[in-house]
C-alpha cells in the first residue's frame, strides 16, 4: 500500500518519513521524480504535497497523512527555513516549489498563513466522506505511532516516535537531503 505524506514543510514530514521506515516500509523524503514515487512504498514532503490530488487519482487505494501543527509555531519555523534557504545553493528548486504552494519565496506572514489554511481546507474537502483515506497527524500535540499504526492497520512499536529535522539540525545542515 502506498502512503503519501502531504503536510506542508516544517510540519513533521521528515519525522513521518523516519517513522514509516521504522515500520519496515521503503520511504523517501522529498522525492525528486515520479519514478521515485513508483519505487518507494511511501513518499513525503513538499513535492508530494503539491501533487496529492494526482497521486490520489493514480493510486486510489493509497493512504494520505497530513502532518500539521499550530499555525503560529509553523510560521515561526517557516521563517527560519526561508532565511536558511536563501543561503543555500539548492534554493532554486525549493523556491519554485514554495512559490507554487505559498505564493511567495520570502517570509510573507499573510501569504503563508493563507496558504496554510487553504491547504488544510483543500485536503479536508478532497477527502471528505472517505473514511480511512486521510489521517491528520499533529506530532507537536503528542500524536505518533498509535494514531499512525491504527490508520495503517499495523502493530504499534514500543519505541518513541522519531523527531527529526528540528530547527537546530536544519540550520546546521543542507535542507532536502534527508533520506
N, C-alpha and C. Protein backbone atom coordinates (compact mmCIF):
# COMPACT_ATOMS: atom_id res chain seq x y z
N UNK A 1 0.84 -1.18 0.00
CA UNK A 1 0.00 0.00 0.00
C UNK A 1 0.89 1.24 0.00
N UNK A 2 0.56 2.19 -0.86
CA UNK A 2 1.27 3.46 -0.92
C UNK A 2 0.80 4.37 0.22
N UNK A 3 1.74 5.13 0.77
CA UNK A 3 1.43 6.13 1.79
C UNK A 3 2.10 7.42 1.35
N UNK A 4 1.31 8.49 1.34
CA UNK A 4 1.82 9.79 0.93
C UNK A 4 1.71 10.78 2.09
N UNK A 5 2.83 11.39 2.45
CA UNK A 5 2.83 12.44 3.45
C UNK A 5 2.60 13.77 2.76
N UNK A 6 1.46 14.40 3.04
CA UNK A 6 1.07 15.60 2.29
C UNK A 6 1.02 16.86 3.16
N UNK A 7 1.73 16.82 4.26
CA UNK A 7 1.82 18.02 5.09
C UNK A 7 2.77 19.03 4.48
N UNK A 8 2.58 20.28 4.85
CA UNK A 8 3.47 21.34 4.39
C UNK A 8 4.84 21.20 5.03
N UNK A 9 5.82 21.89 4.47
CA UNK A 9 7.15 21.91 5.06
C UNK A 9 7.05 22.35 6.52
N UNK A 10 7.92 21.80 7.36
CA UNK A 10 8.02 22.17 8.77
C UNK A 10 6.83 21.71 9.61
N UNK A 11 6.15 20.64 9.16
CA UNK A 11 5.04 20.09 9.95
C UNK A 11 5.31 18.68 10.44
N UNK A 12 6.51 18.16 10.22
CA UNK A 12 6.84 16.82 10.68
C UNK A 12 6.99 15.80 9.57
N UNK A 13 7.16 16.25 8.34
CA UNK A 13 7.27 15.30 7.23
C UNK A 13 8.53 14.45 7.33
N UNK A 14 9.63 15.01 7.81
CA UNK A 14 10.85 14.21 8.00
C UNK A 14 10.66 13.16 9.09
N UNK A 15 9.99 13.54 10.15
CA UNK A 15 9.70 12.58 11.23
C UNK A 15 8.78 11.48 10.73
N UNK A 16 7.78 11.83 9.95
CA UNK A 16 6.89 10.83 9.37
C UNK A 16 7.68 9.87 8.49
N UNK A 17 8.57 10.39 7.68
CA UNK A 17 9.41 9.56 6.82
C UNK A 17 10.19 8.53 7.65
N UNK A 18 10.81 8.99 8.72
CA UNK A 18 11.57 8.07 9.59
C UNK A 18 10.66 7.04 10.24
N UNK A 19 9.49 7.47 10.69
CA UNK A 19 8.55 6.55 11.33
C UNK A 19 8.12 5.46 10.35
N UNK A 20 7.84 5.82 9.13
CA UNK A 20 7.43 4.84 8.13
C UNK A 20 8.55 3.83 7.87
N UNK A 21 9.78 4.30 7.86
CA UNK A 21 10.92 3.38 7.72
C UNK A 21 11.01 2.44 8.92
N UNK A 22 10.75 2.98 10.11
CA UNK A 22 10.79 2.14 11.31
C UNK A 22 9.72 1.06 11.27
N UNK A 23 8.65 1.30 10.53
CA UNK A 23 7.59 0.30 10.37
C UNK A 23 7.91 -0.70 9.25
N UNK A 24 9.10 -0.59 8.68
CA UNK A 24 9.55 -1.54 7.67
C UNK A 24 9.19 -1.18 6.24
N UNK A 25 8.77 0.02 6.02
CA UNK A 25 8.40 0.45 4.67
C UNK A 25 9.56 1.18 4.01
N UNK A 26 9.61 1.10 2.69
CA UNK A 26 10.57 1.94 1.99
C UNK A 26 9.95 3.32 1.87
N UNK A 27 10.70 4.33 2.27
CA UNK A 27 10.15 5.68 2.29
C UNK A 27 11.20 6.68 1.87
N UNK A 28 10.78 7.66 1.11
CA UNK A 28 11.68 8.70 0.60
C UNK A 28 11.12 10.07 0.95
N UNK A 29 11.97 10.88 1.55
CA UNK A 29 11.61 12.26 1.87
C UNK A 29 12.06 13.15 0.71
N UNK A 30 11.16 14.00 0.25
CA UNK A 30 11.43 14.94 -0.85
C UNK A 30 11.84 14.22 -2.14
N UNK A 31 10.93 13.40 -2.69
CA UNK A 31 11.24 12.74 -3.96
C UNK A 31 11.41 13.77 -5.06
N UNK A 32 12.35 13.52 -5.93
CA UNK A 32 12.64 14.48 -6.99
C UNK A 32 12.10 14.06 -8.36
N UNK A 33 11.45 12.89 -8.41
CA UNK A 33 10.90 12.45 -9.69
C UNK A 33 9.71 11.52 -9.45
N UNK A 34 8.89 11.40 -10.48
CA UNK A 34 7.76 10.48 -10.40
C UNK A 34 8.26 9.04 -10.30
N UNK A 35 9.41 8.75 -10.90
CA UNK A 35 9.99 7.41 -10.81
C UNK A 35 10.23 7.03 -9.35
N UNK A 36 10.68 7.98 -8.55
CA UNK A 36 10.90 7.72 -7.13
C UNK A 36 9.58 7.36 -6.45
N UNK A 37 8.52 8.04 -6.81
CA UNK A 37 7.20 7.74 -6.25
C UNK A 37 6.83 6.29 -6.54
N UNK A 38 7.14 5.82 -7.73
CA UNK A 38 6.84 4.44 -8.11
C UNK A 38 7.70 3.44 -7.35
N UNK A 39 8.94 3.79 -7.06
CA UNK A 39 9.89 2.87 -6.47
C UNK A 39 9.72 2.68 -4.96
N UNK A 40 9.13 3.64 -4.28
CA UNK A 40 9.02 3.58 -2.82
C UNK A 40 7.58 3.32 -2.39
N UNK A 41 7.45 2.69 -1.21
CA UNK A 41 6.12 2.49 -0.62
C UNK A 41 5.53 3.82 -0.17
N UNK A 42 6.40 4.69 0.32
CA UNK A 42 5.95 5.94 0.94
C UNK A 42 6.83 7.09 0.46
N UNK A 43 6.22 8.23 0.27
CA UNK A 43 6.97 9.45 -0.04
C UNK A 43 6.35 10.61 0.73
N UNK A 44 7.20 11.55 1.12
CA UNK A 44 6.75 12.67 1.95
C UNK A 44 7.40 13.97 1.49
N UNK A 45 6.80 15.07 1.82
CA UNK A 45 7.32 16.43 1.75
C UNK A 45 6.74 17.22 0.59
N UNK A 46 7.29 18.42 0.40
CA UNK A 46 6.71 19.45 -0.44
C UNK A 46 6.36 18.99 -1.84
N UNK A 47 7.24 18.25 -2.49
CA UNK A 47 6.95 17.82 -3.86
C UNK A 47 5.74 16.89 -3.91
N UNK A 48 5.49 16.16 -2.85
CA UNK A 48 4.31 15.29 -2.77
C UNK A 48 3.07 16.12 -2.46
N UNK A 49 3.23 17.09 -1.58
CA UNK A 49 2.12 17.95 -1.17
C UNK A 49 1.47 18.61 -2.38
N UNK A 50 2.28 19.09 -3.30
CA UNK A 50 1.75 19.77 -4.48
C UNK A 50 0.89 18.85 -5.35
N UNK A 51 1.22 17.57 -5.40
CA UNK A 51 0.54 16.67 -6.31
C UNK A 51 -0.37 15.64 -5.68
N UNK A 52 -0.86 15.91 -4.47
CA UNK A 52 -1.61 14.87 -3.77
C UNK A 52 -2.89 14.46 -4.50
N UNK A 53 -3.56 15.38 -5.19
CA UNK A 53 -4.80 15.01 -5.90
C UNK A 53 -4.49 14.08 -7.06
N UNK A 54 -3.42 14.35 -7.77
CA UNK A 54 -2.99 13.48 -8.86
C UNK A 54 -2.60 12.11 -8.31
N UNK A 55 -1.85 12.10 -7.21
CA UNK A 55 -1.44 10.83 -6.61
C UNK A 55 -2.65 10.04 -6.13
N UNK A 56 -3.64 10.71 -5.62
CA UNK A 56 -4.87 10.04 -5.20
C UNK A 56 -5.57 9.41 -6.39
N UNK A 57 -5.56 10.10 -7.52
CA UNK A 57 -6.16 9.55 -8.74
C UNK A 57 -5.37 8.34 -9.24
N UNK A 58 -4.05 8.45 -9.23
CA UNK A 58 -3.19 7.38 -9.75
C UNK A 58 -3.13 6.17 -8.82
N UNK A 59 -3.28 6.40 -7.53
CA UNK A 59 -3.18 5.33 -6.53
C UNK A 59 -4.43 5.38 -5.64
N UNK A 60 -5.56 4.91 -6.15
CA UNK A 60 -6.83 5.07 -5.42
C UNK A 60 -6.90 4.34 -4.08
N UNK A 61 -6.05 3.38 -3.85
CA UNK A 61 -6.05 2.66 -2.57
C UNK A 61 -5.01 3.20 -1.59
N UNK A 62 -4.34 4.27 -1.96
CA UNK A 62 -3.28 4.83 -1.12
C UNK A 62 -3.85 5.47 0.14
N UNK A 63 -2.98 5.63 1.11
CA UNK A 63 -3.30 6.33 2.35
C UNK A 63 -2.53 7.66 2.33
N UNK A 64 -3.15 8.68 2.90
CA UNK A 64 -2.56 10.02 2.92
C UNK A 64 -2.48 10.50 4.36
N UNK A 65 -1.32 11.06 4.71
CA UNK A 65 -1.10 11.57 6.06
C UNK A 65 -0.80 13.06 5.95
N UNK A 66 -1.67 13.85 6.55
CA UNK A 66 -1.49 15.30 6.60
C UNK A 66 -0.84 15.64 7.94
N UNK A 67 0.47 15.85 7.93
CA UNK A 67 1.12 16.30 9.16
C UNK A 67 0.80 17.77 9.33
N UNK A 68 0.60 18.17 10.57
CA UNK A 68 0.17 19.54 10.84
C UNK A 68 0.73 20.00 12.17
N UNK A 69 0.56 21.26 12.46
CA UNK A 69 0.95 21.83 13.75
C UNK A 69 0.25 23.17 13.90
N UNK A 70 0.33 23.74 15.08
CA UNK A 70 -0.24 25.06 15.34
C UNK A 70 0.32 26.06 14.32
N UNK A 71 -0.57 26.86 13.73
CA UNK A 71 -0.16 27.75 12.65
C UNK A 71 0.89 28.76 13.08
N UNK A 72 0.82 29.28 14.28
CA UNK A 72 1.81 30.27 14.72
C UNK A 72 3.20 29.65 14.90
N UNK A 73 3.27 28.45 15.46
CA UNK A 73 4.58 27.80 15.58
C UNK A 73 5.10 27.40 14.20
N UNK A 74 4.18 27.05 13.29
CA UNK A 74 4.57 26.74 11.91
C UNK A 74 5.17 27.97 11.24
N UNK A 75 4.53 29.11 11.39
CA UNK A 75 5.06 30.34 10.80
C UNK A 75 6.45 30.66 11.34
N UNK A 76 6.65 30.48 12.62
CA UNK A 76 7.96 30.73 13.22
C UNK A 76 9.01 29.81 12.61
N UNK A 77 8.66 28.54 12.44
CA UNK A 77 9.59 27.58 11.85
C UNK A 77 9.83 27.88 10.37
N UNK A 78 8.78 28.28 9.67
CA UNK A 78 8.94 28.64 8.25
C UNK A 78 9.85 29.84 8.08
N UNK A 79 9.78 30.78 8.99
CA UNK A 79 10.66 31.95 8.92
C UNK A 79 12.12 31.49 8.95
N UNK A 80 12.45 30.58 9.85
CA UNK A 80 13.81 30.05 9.93
C UNK A 80 14.19 29.31 8.65
N UNK A 81 13.27 28.52 8.13
CA UNK A 81 13.54 27.76 6.90
C UNK A 81 13.81 28.69 5.73
N UNK A 82 12.96 29.67 5.53
CA UNK A 82 13.10 30.55 4.37
C UNK A 82 14.37 31.39 4.45
N UNK A 83 14.74 31.82 5.64
CA UNK A 83 16.01 32.53 5.80
C UNK A 83 17.17 31.60 5.47
N UNK A 84 17.07 30.35 5.94
CA UNK A 84 18.12 29.36 5.69
C UNK A 84 18.22 29.04 4.20
N UNK A 85 17.09 28.87 3.54
CA UNK A 85 17.11 28.53 2.12
C UNK A 85 17.73 29.63 1.28
N UNK A 86 17.57 30.85 1.68
CA UNK A 86 18.12 31.96 0.91
C UNK A 86 19.63 31.85 0.79
N UNK A 87 20.27 31.12 1.70
CA UNK A 87 21.73 30.99 1.67
C UNK A 87 22.20 29.67 1.07
N UNK A 88 21.31 28.86 0.57
CA UNK A 88 21.67 27.54 0.07
C UNK A 88 21.77 27.51 -1.44
N UNK A 89 22.72 26.74 -1.95
CA UNK A 89 22.89 26.64 -3.39
C UNK A 89 21.77 25.85 -4.06
N UNK A 90 21.02 25.07 -3.31
CA UNK A 90 19.92 24.30 -3.90
C UNK A 90 18.59 25.01 -3.76
N UNK A 91 18.63 26.27 -3.38
CA UNK A 91 17.40 27.01 -3.08
C UNK A 91 16.49 27.16 -4.29
N UNK A 92 17.01 27.14 -5.50
CA UNK A 92 16.18 27.38 -6.68
C UNK A 92 15.01 26.40 -6.76
N UNK A 93 15.28 25.11 -6.57
CA UNK A 93 14.20 24.12 -6.60
C UNK A 93 13.18 24.39 -5.50
N UNK A 94 13.69 24.68 -4.32
CA UNK A 94 12.78 25.00 -3.22
C UNK A 94 11.96 26.24 -3.52
N UNK A 95 12.59 27.23 -4.08
CA UNK A 95 11.86 28.46 -4.39
C UNK A 95 10.70 28.19 -5.34
N UNK A 96 10.92 27.38 -6.35
CA UNK A 96 9.83 27.05 -7.29
C UNK A 96 8.69 26.33 -6.57
N UNK A 97 9.03 25.35 -5.75
CA UNK A 97 8.01 24.61 -5.01
C UNK A 97 7.30 25.49 -4.00
N UNK A 98 8.07 26.28 -3.30
CA UNK A 98 7.46 27.15 -2.28
C UNK A 98 6.58 28.21 -2.91
N UNK A 99 6.98 28.73 -4.05
CA UNK A 99 6.13 29.72 -4.71
C UNK A 99 4.81 29.07 -5.14
N UNK A 100 4.89 27.85 -5.66
CA UNK A 100 3.67 27.15 -6.08
C UNK A 100 2.74 26.88 -4.90
N UNK A 101 3.29 26.54 -3.76
CA UNK A 101 2.48 26.23 -2.58
C UNK A 101 2.02 27.46 -1.80
N UNK A 102 2.93 28.41 -1.65
CA UNK A 102 2.68 29.51 -0.72
C UNK A 102 2.47 30.87 -1.39
N UNK A 103 2.80 30.97 -2.68
CA UNK A 103 2.66 32.24 -3.37
C UNK A 103 3.78 33.21 -3.04
N UNK A 104 4.83 32.72 -2.40
CA UNK A 104 5.97 33.56 -2.04
C UNK A 104 7.18 32.67 -1.76
N UNK A 105 8.36 33.24 -1.92
CA UNK A 105 9.58 32.54 -1.52
C UNK A 105 10.20 33.22 -0.31
N UNK A 106 9.63 34.33 0.07
CA UNK A 106 10.10 35.08 1.23
C UNK A 106 9.13 34.84 2.38
N UNK A 107 9.52 35.32 3.54
CA UNK A 107 8.62 35.21 4.68
C UNK A 107 7.58 36.32 4.61
N UNK A 108 6.44 35.97 4.07
CA UNK A 108 5.29 36.88 3.99
C UNK A 108 4.21 36.23 4.85
N UNK A 109 4.06 36.71 6.07
CA UNK A 109 3.18 36.04 7.03
C UNK A 109 1.76 35.89 6.50
N UNK A 110 1.23 36.91 5.87
CA UNK A 110 -0.15 36.83 5.37
C UNK A 110 -0.28 35.75 4.30
N UNK A 111 0.63 35.73 3.34
CA UNK A 111 0.56 34.71 2.29
C UNK A 111 0.76 33.31 2.84
N UNK A 112 1.69 33.17 3.75
CA UNK A 112 1.93 31.85 4.34
C UNK A 112 0.74 31.38 5.16
N UNK A 113 0.20 32.27 5.96
CA UNK A 113 -0.98 31.92 6.77
C UNK A 113 -2.15 31.52 5.86
N UNK A 114 -2.37 32.28 4.80
CA UNK A 114 -3.44 31.95 3.85
C UNK A 114 -3.19 30.60 3.17
N UNK A 115 -1.95 30.36 2.78
CA UNK A 115 -1.61 29.10 2.11
C UNK A 115 -1.80 27.91 3.05
N UNK A 116 -1.42 28.07 4.31
CA UNK A 116 -1.58 27.02 5.31
C UNK A 116 -3.06 26.66 5.43
N UNK A 117 -3.88 27.66 5.64
CA UNK A 117 -5.32 27.42 5.80
C UNK A 117 -5.93 26.84 4.53
N UNK A 118 -5.55 27.37 3.39
CA UNK A 118 -6.07 26.89 2.11
C UNK A 118 -5.71 25.42 1.90
N UNK A 119 -4.45 25.06 2.18
CA UNK A 119 -4.04 23.67 2.00
C UNK A 119 -4.84 22.73 2.91
N UNK A 120 -4.97 23.09 4.17
CA UNK A 120 -5.73 22.25 5.10
C UNK A 120 -7.20 22.14 4.68
N UNK A 121 -7.78 23.24 4.25
CA UNK A 121 -9.18 23.22 3.79
C UNK A 121 -9.32 22.38 2.52
N UNK A 122 -8.40 22.54 1.57
CA UNK A 122 -8.45 21.78 0.32
C UNK A 122 -8.32 20.28 0.58
N UNK A 123 -7.40 19.91 1.46
CA UNK A 123 -7.22 18.49 1.79
C UNK A 123 -8.48 17.94 2.44
N UNK A 124 -9.03 18.68 3.39
CA UNK A 124 -10.26 18.23 4.07
C UNK A 124 -11.40 18.07 3.07
N UNK A 125 -11.55 19.01 2.16
CA UNK A 125 -12.60 18.93 1.14
C UNK A 125 -12.37 17.74 0.20
N UNK A 126 -11.13 17.55 -0.21
CA UNK A 126 -10.82 16.47 -1.15
C UNK A 126 -11.14 15.09 -0.57
N UNK A 127 -10.86 14.91 0.71
CA UNK A 127 -11.04 13.59 1.32
C UNK A 127 -12.34 13.46 2.11
N UNK A 128 -13.18 14.47 2.08
CA UNK A 128 -14.45 14.43 2.82
C UNK A 128 -15.27 13.21 2.41
N UNK A 129 -15.76 12.48 3.40
CA UNK A 129 -16.60 11.31 3.15
C UNK A 129 -15.82 10.06 2.80
N UNK A 130 -14.50 10.11 2.89
CA UNK A 130 -13.67 8.96 2.53
C UNK A 130 -12.90 8.49 3.77
N UNK A 131 -13.64 7.99 4.73
CA UNK A 131 -13.01 7.49 5.95
C UNK A 131 -11.95 6.47 5.61
N UNK A 132 -10.84 6.56 6.29
CA UNK A 132 -9.76 5.60 6.08
C UNK A 132 -8.75 6.01 5.04
N UNK A 133 -8.98 7.11 4.33
CA UNK A 133 -8.03 7.55 3.32
C UNK A 133 -7.06 8.61 3.84
N UNK A 134 -7.49 9.38 4.84
CA UNK A 134 -6.69 10.50 5.33
C UNK A 134 -6.55 10.44 6.85
N UNK A 135 -5.32 10.64 7.30
CA UNK A 135 -5.03 10.81 8.72
C UNK A 135 -4.40 12.18 8.89
N UNK A 136 -4.96 12.98 9.78
CA UNK A 136 -4.34 14.24 10.16
C UNK A 136 -3.55 13.99 11.43
N UNK A 137 -2.26 14.27 11.39
CA UNK A 137 -1.33 13.89 12.45
C UNK A 137 -0.58 15.12 12.95
N UNK A 138 -0.87 15.53 14.17
CA UNK A 138 -0.18 16.67 14.79
C UNK A 138 0.84 16.14 15.78
N UNK A 139 2.07 16.03 15.34
CA UNK A 139 3.14 15.49 16.17
C UNK A 139 3.47 16.40 17.33
N UNK A 140 3.24 17.69 17.17
CA UNK A 140 3.53 18.64 18.26
C UNK A 140 2.52 18.53 19.39
N UNK A 141 1.39 17.90 19.13
CA UNK A 141 0.36 17.73 20.16
C UNK A 141 0.40 16.33 20.77
N UNK A 142 1.46 15.57 20.47
CA UNK A 142 1.63 14.27 21.09
C UNK A 142 1.18 13.09 20.25
N UNK A 143 0.66 13.33 19.05
CA UNK A 143 0.29 12.21 18.18
C UNK A 143 1.56 11.48 17.75
N UNK A 144 1.41 10.23 17.35
CA UNK A 144 2.58 9.47 16.93
C UNK A 144 2.21 8.09 16.45
N UNK A 145 2.98 7.09 16.90
CA UNK A 145 2.78 5.73 16.42
C UNK A 145 1.38 5.17 16.66
N UNK A 146 0.75 5.39 17.82
CA UNK A 146 -0.58 4.81 17.99
C UNK A 146 -1.56 5.24 16.89
N UNK A 147 -1.59 6.52 16.58
CA UNK A 147 -2.51 7.00 15.55
C UNK A 147 -2.09 6.53 14.16
N UNK A 148 -0.80 6.63 13.86
CA UNK A 148 -0.31 6.22 12.54
C UNK A 148 -0.53 4.73 12.32
N UNK A 149 -0.19 3.92 13.30
CA UNK A 149 -0.31 2.47 13.14
C UNK A 149 -1.77 2.02 13.07
N UNK A 150 -2.63 2.66 13.82
CA UNK A 150 -4.06 2.35 13.72
C UNK A 150 -4.56 2.66 12.31
N UNK A 151 -4.15 3.79 11.77
CA UNK A 151 -4.54 4.20 10.42
C UNK A 151 -4.03 3.22 9.37
N UNK A 152 -2.81 2.74 9.55
CA UNK A 152 -2.20 1.83 8.58
C UNK A 152 -2.50 0.37 8.88
N UNK A 153 -3.26 0.11 9.95
CA UNK A 153 -3.59 -1.25 10.38
C UNK A 153 -2.32 -2.05 10.64
N UNK A 154 -1.43 -1.45 11.41
CA UNK A 154 -0.15 -2.06 11.77
C UNK A 154 -0.04 -2.15 13.28
N UNK A 155 0.80 -3.05 13.73
CA UNK A 155 1.08 -3.14 15.16
C UNK A 155 1.91 -1.93 15.58
N UNK A 156 1.59 -1.38 16.74
CA UNK A 156 2.29 -0.20 17.24
C UNK A 156 3.60 -0.62 17.91
N UNK A 157 4.73 -0.10 17.43
CA UNK A 157 6.00 -0.46 18.07
C UNK A 157 6.13 0.21 19.44
N UNK A 158 6.90 -0.41 20.29
CA UNK A 158 7.10 0.11 21.64
C UNK A 158 8.37 0.97 21.68
N UNK A 159 8.40 1.96 20.83
CA UNK A 159 9.52 2.90 20.74
C UNK A 159 8.94 4.30 20.55
N UNK A 160 9.69 5.32 20.91
CA UNK A 160 9.19 6.68 20.70
C UNK A 160 9.11 7.01 19.21
N UNK A 161 8.16 7.85 18.88
CA UNK A 161 8.05 8.35 17.51
C UNK A 161 9.27 9.22 17.24
N UNK A 162 9.90 9.08 16.08
CA UNK A 162 11.10 9.87 15.81
C UNK A 162 10.80 11.37 15.68
N UNK A 163 11.73 12.14 16.09
CA UNK A 163 11.65 13.60 15.93
C UNK A 163 12.90 14.00 15.17
N UNK A 164 12.73 14.36 13.91
CA UNK A 164 13.90 14.68 13.09
C UNK A 164 13.73 16.02 12.41
N UNK A 165 14.82 16.51 11.90
CA UNK A 165 14.85 17.75 11.13
C UNK A 165 14.31 18.93 11.93
N UNK A 166 14.66 18.96 13.23
CA UNK A 166 14.24 20.11 14.02
C UNK A 166 15.02 21.34 13.57
N UNK A 167 14.62 22.47 14.04
CA UNK A 167 15.21 23.72 13.57
C UNK A 167 16.72 23.77 13.78
N UNK A 168 17.21 23.29 14.91
CA UNK A 168 18.64 23.32 15.19
C UNK A 168 19.39 22.47 14.17
N UNK A 169 18.87 21.27 13.90
CA UNK A 169 19.51 20.41 12.91
C UNK A 169 19.43 21.02 11.52
N UNK A 170 18.27 21.61 11.19
CA UNK A 170 18.09 22.20 9.87
C UNK A 170 19.09 23.32 9.64
N UNK A 171 19.27 24.17 10.63
CA UNK A 171 20.14 25.32 10.45
C UNK A 171 21.61 24.92 10.34
N UNK A 172 21.92 23.69 10.78
CA UNK A 172 23.30 23.23 10.69
C UNK A 172 23.55 22.29 9.54
N UNK A 173 22.58 22.14 8.66
CA UNK A 173 22.73 21.19 7.56
C UNK A 173 22.20 21.79 6.27
N UNK A 174 22.30 21.01 5.23
CA UNK A 174 21.72 21.41 3.95
C UNK A 174 20.34 20.79 3.87
N UNK A 175 19.29 21.57 3.69
CA UNK A 175 17.94 21.02 3.66
C UNK A 175 17.70 20.17 2.42
N UNK A 176 16.76 19.25 2.55
CA UNK A 176 16.34 18.48 1.39
C UNK A 176 17.15 17.23 1.14
N UNK A 177 18.10 16.93 1.99
CA UNK A 177 18.91 15.76 1.77
C UNK A 177 18.63 14.65 2.77
N UNK A 178 17.51 14.73 3.46
CA UNK A 178 17.09 13.66 4.36
C UNK A 178 16.64 12.49 3.51
N UNK A 179 17.13 11.31 3.82
CA UNK A 179 16.70 10.15 3.03
C UNK A 179 15.85 9.23 3.85
